[in-house]
Protein backbone atom coordinates (compact mmCIF):
# COMPACT_ATOMS: atom_id res chain seq x y z
CA MET A 1 3.54 14.55 0.61
CA ALA A 2 3.85 14.58 -3.16
CA GLN A 3 6.24 12.39 -5.07
CA GLY A 4 8.36 15.42 -5.98
CA ASN A 5 8.94 16.21 -2.28
CA THR A 6 10.82 13.02 -1.43
CA ASN A 7 14.27 14.69 -1.25
CA LEU A 8 15.77 11.97 -3.42
CA PRO A 9 18.50 12.90 -5.89
CA PRO A 10 17.45 13.27 -9.55
CA GLY A 11 17.18 9.93 -11.30
CA PHE A 12 16.26 7.99 -8.16
CA ARG A 13 12.80 6.66 -7.40
CA PHE A 14 11.27 5.08 -4.32
CA TYR A 15 10.78 1.40 -5.18
CA PRO A 16 11.69 -0.61 -2.05
CA THR A 17 11.50 -4.38 -1.63
CA ASP A 18 9.54 -5.94 1.23
CA GLU A 19 12.83 -6.61 3.01
CA GLU A 20 13.89 -2.95 2.69
CA LEU A 21 10.52 -1.73 3.97
CA VAL A 22 10.82 -3.89 7.09
CA LEU A 23 14.55 -3.53 7.86
CA HIS A 24 15.41 -0.03 6.68
CA PHE A 25 12.16 1.81 7.40
CA LEU A 26 9.89 -0.05 9.87
CA TYR A 27 12.63 -1.38 12.16
CA ARG A 28 14.30 2.03 12.37
CA LYS A 29 10.95 3.72 13.08
CA ALA A 30 10.10 1.25 15.85
CA ALA A 31 13.60 1.47 17.37
CA LEU A 32 13.47 5.30 17.26
CA LEU A 33 16.55 5.39 15.06
CA PRO A 34 17.02 8.06 12.39
CA CYS A 35 16.11 7.04 8.86
CA HIS A 36 17.72 8.69 5.87
CA PRO A 37 15.90 9.74 3.82
CA ASP A 38 13.06 10.40 6.28
CA ILE A 39 10.29 10.47 3.68
CA ILE A 40 7.48 8.20 4.94
CA PRO A 41 4.90 10.12 7.02
CA ASP A 42 2.83 8.96 10.01
CA LEU A 43 -0.91 8.75 9.31
CA ASP A 44 -3.91 7.66 11.32
CA LEU A 45 -5.40 4.87 9.18
CA HIS A 46 -8.91 5.58 10.52
CA ARG A 47 -9.04 9.13 9.23
CA TYR A 48 -8.63 8.38 5.53
CA ASP A 49 -10.24 6.31 2.81
CA PRO A 50 -7.65 4.93 0.35
CA TRP A 51 -8.52 7.44 -2.40
CA GLU A 52 -7.74 10.28 0.05
CA LEU A 53 -4.09 9.30 0.57
CA ASN A 54 -2.74 11.35 -2.34
CA GLY A 55 -0.93 14.35 -0.91
CA LYS A 56 -0.89 12.87 2.61
CA ALA A 57 1.18 9.68 2.20
CA LEU A 58 4.39 9.18 0.24
CA ALA A 59 3.34 8.59 -3.38
CA ALA A 60 5.56 6.45 -5.60
CA ASP A 61 4.50 4.63 -8.78
CA ASN A 62 0.75 4.75 -7.98
CA GLN A 63 1.41 3.37 -4.51
CA TRP A 64 1.12 5.21 -1.21
CA TYR A 65 3.35 4.52 1.80
CA PHE A 66 2.81 5.59 5.42
CA PHE A 67 3.41 4.52 9.02
CA SER A 68 0.44 3.87 11.28
CA HIS A 69 -0.10 2.57 14.79
CA ARG A 70 -0.94 -1.12 14.90
CA THR A 71 -4.67 -1.73 15.36
CA GLN A 72 -7.26 -4.44 14.86
CA ASN A 73 -9.98 -1.93 13.95
CA ARG A 74 -9.27 -0.75 10.39
CA VAL A 75 -12.42 1.29 9.80
CA SER A 76 -12.68 4.66 8.04
CA GLU A 77 -15.62 7.00 7.53
CA ASN A 78 -16.82 5.23 4.36
CA GLY A 79 -15.65 1.64 4.78
CA TYR A 80 -13.28 -0.88 6.28
CA TRP A 81 -10.18 -2.94 5.51
CA LYS A 82 -10.76 -6.70 5.56
CA SER A 83 -7.83 -9.07 6.01
CA LEU A 84 -7.27 -11.78 3.44
CA ASP A 85 -6.02 -14.02 6.31
CA VAL A 86 -2.78 -14.61 4.45
CA ASP A 87 0.36 -13.45 6.21
CA GLU A 88 3.49 -13.78 4.10
CA PRO A 89 6.90 -13.96 5.75
CA VAL A 90 9.40 -11.20 4.96
CA THR A 91 12.91 -12.59 4.99
CA SER A 92 16.45 -11.27 4.89
CA GLY A 93 18.66 -14.04 3.60
CA SER A 94 17.29 -17.10 5.36
CA LYS A 95 16.13 -15.18 8.47
CA LYS A 96 12.49 -14.18 8.92
CA VAL A 97 12.41 -10.48 9.89
CA GLY A 98 8.72 -9.61 9.58
CA THR A 99 5.34 -10.35 8.04
CA LYS A 100 3.22 -8.85 5.28
CA LYS A 101 -0.55 -8.89 5.80
CA SER A 102 -2.79 -8.28 2.76
CA LEU A 103 -6.10 -6.43 3.14
CA VAL A 104 -8.88 -5.31 0.77
CA PHE A 105 -10.98 -2.15 1.23
CA TYR A 106 -14.78 -2.51 1.37
CA ILE A 107 -17.23 0.40 1.11
CA GLY A 108 -20.05 0.30 3.66
CA GLU A 109 -20.40 -1.42 7.01
CA ALA A 110 -18.95 -4.81 7.90
CA PRO A 111 -19.67 -7.54 7.02
CA SER A 112 -21.93 -6.55 4.11
CA GLY A 113 -19.75 -3.94 2.41
CA THR A 114 -18.94 -3.75 -1.30
CA LYS A 115 -15.44 -4.93 -2.26
CA THR A 116 -13.23 -2.39 -4.05
CA ASN A 117 -9.97 -2.69 -6.01
CA TRP A 118 -7.96 -1.05 -3.19
CA ILE A 119 -5.30 -3.29 -1.64
CA MET A 120 -3.13 -2.64 1.41
CA HIS A 121 0.00 -4.50 2.45
CA GLU A 122 0.61 -4.00 6.15
CA TYR A 123 4.18 -4.78 7.25
CA HIS A 124 4.84 -5.97 10.81
CA LEU A 125 8.04 -6.66 12.71
CA LEU A 126 8.35 -10.07 14.34
CA ASP A 127 6.97 -10.15 17.86
CA CYS A 128 10.15 -10.98 19.75
CA GLY A 129 8.99 -9.54 23.05
CA THR A 130 11.65 -6.84 22.69
CA ARG A 131 10.99 -3.34 23.82
CA THR A 132 13.09 -0.27 23.32
CA ARG A 133 13.56 2.85 25.43
CA SER A 134 12.47 6.09 23.87
CA SER A 135 15.19 8.61 23.20
CA LYS A 136 15.54 11.29 25.88
CA SER A 137 16.01 13.82 23.08
CA ARG A 138 12.41 13.17 22.07
CA GLY A 139 11.31 14.21 25.56
CA SER A 140 9.99 10.83 26.65
CA SER A 141 11.30 8.17 28.96
CA LYS A 142 8.45 5.66 28.53
CA THR A 143 9.00 2.26 26.99
CA VAL A 144 7.72 1.83 23.44
CA SER A 145 6.88 -1.55 21.97
CA LYS A 146 8.50 -2.26 18.60
CA ASN A 147 5.19 -3.71 17.41
CA GLU A 148 3.17 -0.53 17.94
CA TRP A 149 4.06 0.59 14.41
CA VAL A 150 3.18 -0.89 11.03
CA LEU A 151 4.23 0.30 7.60
CA CYS A 152 1.44 0.37 5.01
CA ARG A 153 1.61 0.26 1.22
CA VAL A 154 -1.73 1.01 -0.51
CA TYR A 155 -2.51 0.74 -4.22
CA GLU A 156 -5.46 0.23 -6.53
CA THR A 157 -5.55 -2.76 -8.87
CA ASN A 158 -7.13 -2.52 -12.30
CA GLY A 159 -9.59 -5.28 -11.34
CA GLY A 160 -9.07 -7.35 -14.49
CA PRO A 161 -10.83 -6.93 -17.81
CA GLN A 162 -13.69 -4.47 -17.81
CA VAL A 163 -16.86 -5.42 -19.67
CA ASN A 164 -17.86 -2.43 -21.80
CA PHE A 165 -20.55 -3.38 -24.27
CA CYS A 166 -22.48 -6.27 -25.78
CA GLU A 167 -22.44 -7.41 -29.39
CA ASP A 168 -24.90 -10.10 -30.52
CA GLY A 169 -25.61 -11.02 -26.88
CA PHE A 170 -21.93 -11.64 -25.99
CA GLU A 171 -20.07 -9.48 -23.53
CA LEU A 172 -16.76 -8.11 -24.83
CA SER A 173 -13.77 -7.32 -22.68
CA CYS A 174 -11.37 -4.43 -23.28
CA MET A 175 -8.98 -6.81 -25.05
CA ASP A 176 -11.77 -8.06 -27.33
CA GLU A 177 -12.51 -4.46 -28.28
CA VAL A 178 -8.84 -3.85 -29.13
CA PHE A 179 -8.70 -6.89 -31.41
CA LEU A 180 -11.98 -5.88 -33.10
CA SER A 181 -10.62 -2.38 -33.69
CA LEU A 182 -7.53 -3.88 -35.36
CA ASP A 183 -9.84 -5.69 -37.79
CA ASP A 184 -11.29 -2.28 -38.72
CA LEU A 185 -7.80 -1.11 -39.76
CA ASP A 186 -7.78 -3.66 -42.60
CA GLU A 187 -10.72 -1.83 -44.18
CA THR A 188 -9.12 1.62 -43.83
CA SER A 189 -7.18 3.05 -46.74
CA PHE A 190 -4.25 5.24 -45.83
CA PRO A 191 -2.91 8.02 -48.09
CA ASN A 192 0.33 7.25 -49.91
């Protein structure tokens, strides 16, 4: 799903807070309630590496959003998602409504994979032991757990300063190169 296919009015962009992701999107998905606009697709996390999400997940500001079934095994064809073991609470006012788990994508097989700059925030509803009945209009009468769904936001970080070349044995970052190039402007004569 491309960013232009979000069915949002002109001038609006998809830039939700953690609270909005949990309450407006994830809760409604888990409770089988309609969500307007219905723009976040369902994806199987195991089928895609993070760089394959473009065109499949909702793209907004270099971030990709999708629903997935909750799983402990976050492995794709080329790598795996490793948890940072830091779960942040998502609150609405003073009430805790969910959690945000941060994960990093590694290329290769666990535990010896190579860390990448791909980050995923996985949003979970609180485990309240509540279950909801599926809608009869969806053709199912089974009970669905609210915690079967997670909402994922994936993005790539820039990874900090990139080392590009050496000068006199010292490594220079991108910022060093910019400042050195500004020094070159002092020696340049511009036409009047």
